[in-house]
């Protein structure tokens, strides 16, 4: 018996592939709130997510609270027929009347004073409410391994930042690569940090935007250093495609609205275990580096 479920919203590029009946694949991995499909056409991962999650690249948000009752299994075949996405014989996903979503980053601002003030508030909030164990150190590590990984992340991210600040992009590359796959979580902390950093590189008018090929250079070396799911997130971020909660936070950083800033930051911090915190630190480091590198001249 197949369940017929409506899609609430979805990535415009993913929807286009479904509409053109160009999508086939198999279920790569399953979780309580998501499952991932690997495309036969391009080898990329696509995500089906429950209604509690935000929009993201290669993602459809469907009208369920939890995936577990659907009993989706790894290796279930996926196909498209007449604009319906079939997941084995268990699930039919309709994209009729879907709200299309696109990942569009805001432009880097001409005036950075508001951003500077918001970054101070953001760091203070993360220090109190962020999740430790990754980029953010726990005051008391749970074990020696966690302490060592946190030390490595701190050392390597500071080396990366120093090279970026001194406009030594090629020298920054090995430091960026050194944190790929490093840290706890399904998407390791180093990868999440880079996702935030790559986002800043891809903002239009960012001082780092001319060097955004740096993100692709890191990506070329990342494939064998991390898992498929995390690599896909990095791949999208390298081209400025990130989830809705990240874009919301960037928009909040650009205006004077403390309530909106904290609301957006909370949504990001709630991603995964430490993933949201690690992404937030990548955004902070990236923004501070662009400001210290010269900001924006309009």
Protein backbone atom coordinates (compact mmCIF):
# COMPACT_ATOMS: atom_id res chain seq x y z
CA UNK A 1 0.00 0.00 0.00
CA UNK A 2 1.34 3.42 -1.00
CA UNK A 3 0.77 6.63 0.93
CA UNK A 4 -0.09 9.70 -1.16
CA UNK A 5 1.40 12.79 0.46
CA UNK A 6 1.42 16.39 -0.70
CA UNK A 7 4.52 18.53 -0.88
CA UNK A 8 4.36 21.80 1.06
CA UNK A 9 7.35 23.49 -0.56
CA UNK A 10 10.47 22.59 -2.45
CA UNK A 11 13.64 23.66 -4.17
CA UNK A 12 12.79 25.05 -7.62
CA UNK A 13 15.56 23.08 -9.37
CA UNK A 14 14.41 19.80 -7.82
CA UNK A 15 10.81 20.51 -8.84
CA UNK A 16 11.92 21.28 -12.39
CA UNK A 17 13.59 17.87 -12.66
CA UNK A 18 10.44 16.15 -11.43
CA UNK A 19 8.25 18.14 -13.82
CA UNK A 20 10.51 17.14 -16.71
CA UNK A 21 10.37 13.49 -15.61
CA UNK A 22 14.17 13.39 -15.57
CA UNK A 23 14.60 12.05 -12.06
CA UNK A 24 15.41 8.46 -11.08
CA UNK A 25 17.42 7.06 -8.21
CA UNK A 26 17.31 5.09 -4.99
CA UNK A 27 16.98 5.80 -1.28
CA UNK A 28 20.48 6.44 0.04
CA UNK A 29 19.78 6.95 3.77
CA UNK A 30 16.83 7.32 6.13
CA UNK A 31 16.27 9.25 9.37
CA UNK A 32 13.28 10.19 11.52
CA UNK A 33 12.80 13.57 9.90
CA UNK A 34 14.37 13.08 6.46
CA UNK A 35 15.44 10.57 3.88
CA UNK A 36 17.93 11.08 1.08
CA UNK A 37 17.75 9.95 -2.52
CA UNK A 38 20.78 9.40 -4.73
CA UNK A 39 20.17 10.40 -8.34
CA UNK A 40 21.14 8.01 -11.11
CA UNK A 41 21.45 10.98 -13.46
CA UNK A 42 24.09 13.08 -11.67
CA UNK A 43 25.01 11.18 -8.48
CA UNK A 44 23.83 14.04 -6.25
CA UNK A 45 21.78 13.58 -3.10
CA UNK A 46 18.23 14.93 -2.82
CA UNK A 47 16.34 15.23 0.46
CA UNK A 48 12.73 14.60 1.39
CA UNK A 49 12.10 16.37 4.69
CA UNK A 50 9.23 16.53 7.16
CA UNK A 51 7.16 19.65 7.73
CA UNK A 52 9.17 20.69 10.82
CA UNK A 53 12.29 21.46 8.79
CA UNK A 54 13.21 24.47 6.68
CA UNK A 55 13.67 24.63 2.93
CA UNK A 56 17.05 23.78 1.46
CA UNK A 57 18.83 23.01 -1.81
CA UNK A 58 17.72 19.75 -3.46
CA UNK A 59 14.96 19.43 -0.86
CA UNK A 60 11.21 18.82 -0.80
CA UNK A 61 9.24 19.52 2.39
CA UNK A 62 6.32 17.09 2.63
CA UNK A 63 3.21 17.14 4.80
CA UNK A 64 4.26 14.64 7.49
CA UNK A 65 5.70 15.10 10.99
CA UNK A 66 7.89 12.00 11.02
CA UNK A 67 9.25 9.69 8.33
CA UNK A 68 9.43 6.53 10.43
CA UNK A 69 5.78 5.41 9.97
CA UNK A 70 6.29 5.47 6.18
CA UNK A 71 8.82 2.61 6.49
CA UNK A 72 11.03 3.93 3.71
CA UNK A 73 14.00 1.62 3.25
CA UNK A 74 17.54 2.09 1.99
CA UNK A 75 17.80 1.02 -1.68
CA UNK A 76 14.08 1.58 -2.41
CA UNK A 77 13.89 2.63 -6.06
CA UNK A 78 12.75 6.14 -6.93
CA UNK A 79 11.12 7.26 -10.17
CA UNK A 80 8.91 9.99 -11.61
CA UNK A 81 5.62 9.44 -13.43
CA UNK A 82 3.31 12.29 -14.50
CA UNK A 83 4.77 14.75 -12.00
CA UNK A 84 4.50 12.32 -9.09
CA UNK A 85 7.59 11.10 -7.26
CA UNK A 86 7.35 7.40 -6.41
CA UNK A 87 9.40 5.95 -3.54
CA UNK A 88 9.30 2.19 -4.10
CA UNK A 89 5.77 0.94 -3.51
CA UNK A 90 5.49 2.82 -0.20
CA UNK A 91 5.10 6.51 -0.98
CA UNK A 92 3.78 8.74 -3.75
CA UNK A 93 4.71 12.41 -3.42
CA UNK A 94 2.53 14.95 -5.21
CA UNK A 95 3.99 18.32 -6.17
CA UNK A 96 0.65 19.83 -7.19
CA UNK A 97 0.17 23.38 -5.88
CA UNK A 98 3.65 23.37 -4.38
CA UNK A 99 5.33 26.55 -3.11
CA UNK A 100 8.59 26.87 -5.01
CA UNK A 101 11.61 28.02 -3.02
CA UNK A 102 14.99 29.24 -4.27
CA UNK A 103 18.23 29.74 -2.39
CA UNK A 104 19.11 33.40 -2.95
CA UNK A 105 21.72 35.06 -0.76
CA UNK A 106 21.45 38.75 0.16
CA UNK A 107 24.12 41.09 -1.18
CA UNK A 108 26.97 42.14 1.08
CA UNK A 109 26.19 45.64 2.44
CA UNK A 110 27.88 48.89 1.48
CA UNK A 111 27.94 50.00 5.12
CA UNK A 112 29.14 47.46 7.66
CA UNK A 113 28.54 49.26 10.98
CA UNK A 114 25.22 47.49 11.56
CA UNK A 115 26.83 44.15 10.70
CA UNK A 116 29.65 44.80 13.18
CA UNK A 117 27.19 45.49 16.00
CA UNK A 118 25.09 42.46 15.11
CA UNK A 119 28.14 40.20 15.02
CA UNK A 120 28.98 41.22 18.59
CA UNK A 121 25.45 40.34 19.70
CA UNK A 122 25.54 37.12 17.71
CA UNK A 123 28.80 35.95 19.30
CA UNK A 124 27.56 36.77 22.79
CA UNK A 125 24.39 34.76 22.17
CA UNK A 126 26.27 31.78 20.71
CA UNK A 127 28.65 31.78 23.69
CA UNK A 128 25.66 31.32 26.00
CA UNK A 129 23.25 29.24 23.91
CA UNK A 130 25.41 27.50 21.32
CA UNK A 131 26.12 23.78 21.51
CA UNK A 132 29.67 22.81 22.47
CA UNK A 133 31.81 19.92 21.43
CA UNK A 134 32.65 21.14 17.94
CA UNK A 135 33.90 24.59 16.94
CA UNK A 136 32.64 25.82 20.31
CA UNK A 137 34.57 24.14 23.08
CA UNK A 138 32.78 22.60 26.04
CA UNK A 139 34.01 24.04 29.34
CA UNK A 140 34.40 20.47 30.54
CA UNK A 141 34.99 18.06 27.61
CA UNK A 142 33.14 14.75 27.84
CA UNK A 143 36.32 12.82 27.09
CA UNK A 144 39.94 13.33 25.94
CA UNK A 145 39.01 12.65 22.31
CA UNK A 146 36.47 15.49 22.28
CA UNK A 147 39.04 17.82 23.85
CA UNK A 148 41.65 16.94 21.23
CA UNK A 149 39.23 17.38 18.32
CA UNK A 150 38.09 20.75 19.65
CA UNK A 151 41.72 21.85 20.01
CA UNK A 152 42.45 20.79 16.43
CA UNK A 153 39.40 22.63 15.13
CA UNK A 154 40.36 25.79 17.02
CA UNK A 155 43.96 25.72 15.80
CA UNK A 156 43.11 24.98 12.18
CA UNK A 157 40.25 27.48 11.86
CA UNK A 158 42.47 30.25 13.29
CA UNK A 159 45.22 29.38 10.81
CA UNK A 160 42.62 29.51 8.03
CA UNK A 161 41.30 32.87 9.18
CA UNK A 162 44.83 34.32 9.43
CA UNK A 163 45.61 33.40 5.82
CA UNK A 164 42.32 34.86 4.59
CA UNK A 165 42.91 38.10 6.49
CA UNK A 166 46.32 38.45 4.91
CA UNK A 167 44.92 37.86 1.43
CA UNK A 168 46.82 34.59 1.06
CA UNK A 169 44.02 32.59 -0.49
CA UNK A 170 46.21 29.82 -1.90
CA UNK A 171 47.90 29.37 1.50
CA UNK A 172 44.46 29.20 3.14
CA UNK A 173 43.48 26.19 1.03
CA UNK A 174 45.34 23.45 2.98
CA UNK A 175 44.01 24.81 6.28
CA UNK A 176 40.43 24.68 4.95
CA UNK A 177 40.96 21.15 3.66
CA UNK A 178 42.43 20.13 7.03
CA UNK A 179 39.06 20.64 8.79
CA UNK A 180 36.94 18.73 6.24
CA UNK A 181 35.45 15.69 7.98
CA UNK A 182 36.78 16.81 11.36
CA UNK A 183 34.51 16.82 14.39
CA UNK A 184 31.34 15.18 15.69
CA UNK A 185 28.03 14.72 13.95
CA UNK A 186 26.57 13.39 10.71
CA UNK A 187 27.82 16.60 9.15
CA UNK A 188 31.17 17.05 10.95
CA UNK A 189 31.85 20.37 12.67
CA UNK A 190 34.60 21.34 10.23
CA UNK A 191 32.24 20.85 7.28
CA UNK A 192 29.52 22.89 8.96
CA UNK A 193 31.97 25.69 9.67
CA UNK A 194 33.01 25.70 5.99
CA UNK A 195 29.36 25.79 4.94
CA UNK A 196 28.97 29.07 6.84
CA UNK A 197 32.25 30.42 5.47
CA UNK A 198 31.42 29.46 1.87
CA UNK A 199 28.13 31.33 2.23
CA UNK A 200 29.98 34.60 2.88
CA UNK A 201 32.29 34.02 -0.10
CA UNK A 202 29.24 33.74 -2.32
CA UNK A 203 27.44 36.91 -1.21
CA UNK A 204 27.31 39.38 -4.08
CA UNK A 205 29.68 42.33 -3.48
CA UNK A 206 31.51 40.52 -0.67
CA UNK A 207 35.24 41.37 -0.70
CA UNK A 208 35.81 37.61 -0.87
CA UNK A 209 33.42 37.08 -3.78
CA UNK A 210 36.21 37.43 -6.40
CA UNK A 211 37.93 34.51 -4.65
CA UNK A 212 34.88 32.22 -4.50
CA UNK A 213 36.72 29.64 -6.63
CA UNK A 214 38.49 28.93 -3.33
CA UNK A 215 35.31 27.14 -2.26
CA UNK A 216 35.43 24.91 -5.34
CA UNK A 217 39.12 24.19 -4.75
CA UNK A 218 38.31 22.97 -1.24
CA UNK A 219 35.44 20.92 -2.64
CA UNK A 220 37.70 19.13 -5.12
CA UNK A 221 39.70 17.73 -2.21
CA UNK A 222 36.74 17.07 0.08
CA UNK A 223 35.09 14.13 -1.68
CA UNK A 224 37.16 11.43 0.00
CA UNK A 225 37.47 13.24 3.34
CA UNK A 226 33.86 13.24 4.52
CA UNK A 227 30.58 11.37 4.10
CA UNK A 228 28.16 11.70 1.18
CA UNK A 229 25.55 13.76 3.04
CA UNK A 230 28.04 16.29 4.36
CA UNK A 231 29.83 16.49 1.01
CA UNK A 232 26.55 17.36 -0.70
CA UNK A 233 25.96 20.21 1.75
CA UNK A 234 29.47 21.52 1.06
CA UNK A 235 28.99 21.15 -2.68
CA UNK A 236 25.86 23.28 -2.66
CA UNK A 237 27.35 25.87 -0.28
CA UNK A 238 30.42 26.20 -2.53
CA UNK A 239 28.08 27.68 -5.13
CA UNK A 240 26.05 29.79 -2.70
CA UNK A 241 23.16 27.36 -2.29
CA UNK A 242 22.27 26.98 1.40
CA UNK A 243 19.19 26.28 3.51
CA UNK A 244 16.56 28.85 4.34
CA UNK A 245 17.57 29.32 7.99
CA UNK A 246 21.08 30.41 6.95
CA UNK A 247 19.70 32.96 4.49
CA UNK A 248 17.30 34.27 7.13
CA UNK A 249 20.18 34.83 9.53
CA UNK A 250 22.21 36.68 6.89
CA UNK A 251 19.26 38.97 6.20
CA UNK A 252 18.92 39.62 9.94
CA UNK A 253 22.61 40.51 10.23
CA UNK A 254 22.16 43.35 7.74
CA UNK A 255 19.46 45.29 9.62
CA UNK A 256 18.92 46.79 13.07
CA UNK A 257 16.35 44.44 14.56
CA UNK A 258 17.53 42.58 17.66
CA UNK A 259 14.36 40.50 17.96
CA UNK A 260 14.61 39.26 14.38
CA UNK A 261 18.34 38.56 14.79
CA UNK A 262 17.81 36.37 17.85
CA UNK A 263 14.83 34.61 16.28
CA UNK A 264 16.83 33.78 13.14
CA UNK A 265 19.88 32.76 15.14
CA UNK A 266 17.81 30.42 17.33
CA UNK A 267 16.41 28.67 14.26
CA UNK A 268 19.93 28.07 12.99
CA UNK A 269 21.28 26.92 16.35
CA UNK A 270 18.53 24.30 16.53
CA UNK A 271 19.83 22.48 13.44
CA UNK A 272 21.27 19.08 14.29
CA UNK A 273 23.30 18.64 17.43
CA UNK A 274 26.14 21.15 17.07
CA UNK A 275 25.67 21.77 13.32
CA UNK A 276 23.78 25.04 13.71
CA UNK A 277 26.39 26.39 16.11
CA UNK A 278 29.24 25.36 13.81
CA UNK A 279 27.58 26.96 10.77
CA UNK A 280 26.96 30.14 12.78
CA UNK A 281 30.66 30.32 13.69
CA UNK A 282 31.56 29.95 10.02
CA UNK A 283 29.32 32.89 9.21
CA UNK A 284 30.84 34.96 12.04
CA UNK A 285 34.42 34.18 10.97
CA UNK A 286 33.57 34.88 7.34
CA UNK A 287 31.88 38.19 8.05
CA UNK A 288 34.61 39.35 10.41
CA UNK A 289 37.27 38.41 7.86
CA UNK A 290 35.55 40.36 5.08
CA UNK A 291 35.19 43.42 7.31
CA UNK A 292 38.81 43.28 8.48
CA UNK A 293 39.97 42.69 4.92
CA UNK A 294 38.55 46.04 3.88
CA UNK A 295 34.79 45.83 3.97
CA UNK A 296 32.81 47.14 1.01
CA UNK A 297 33.56 50.34 -0.91
CA UNK A 298 30.46 51.63 -2.72
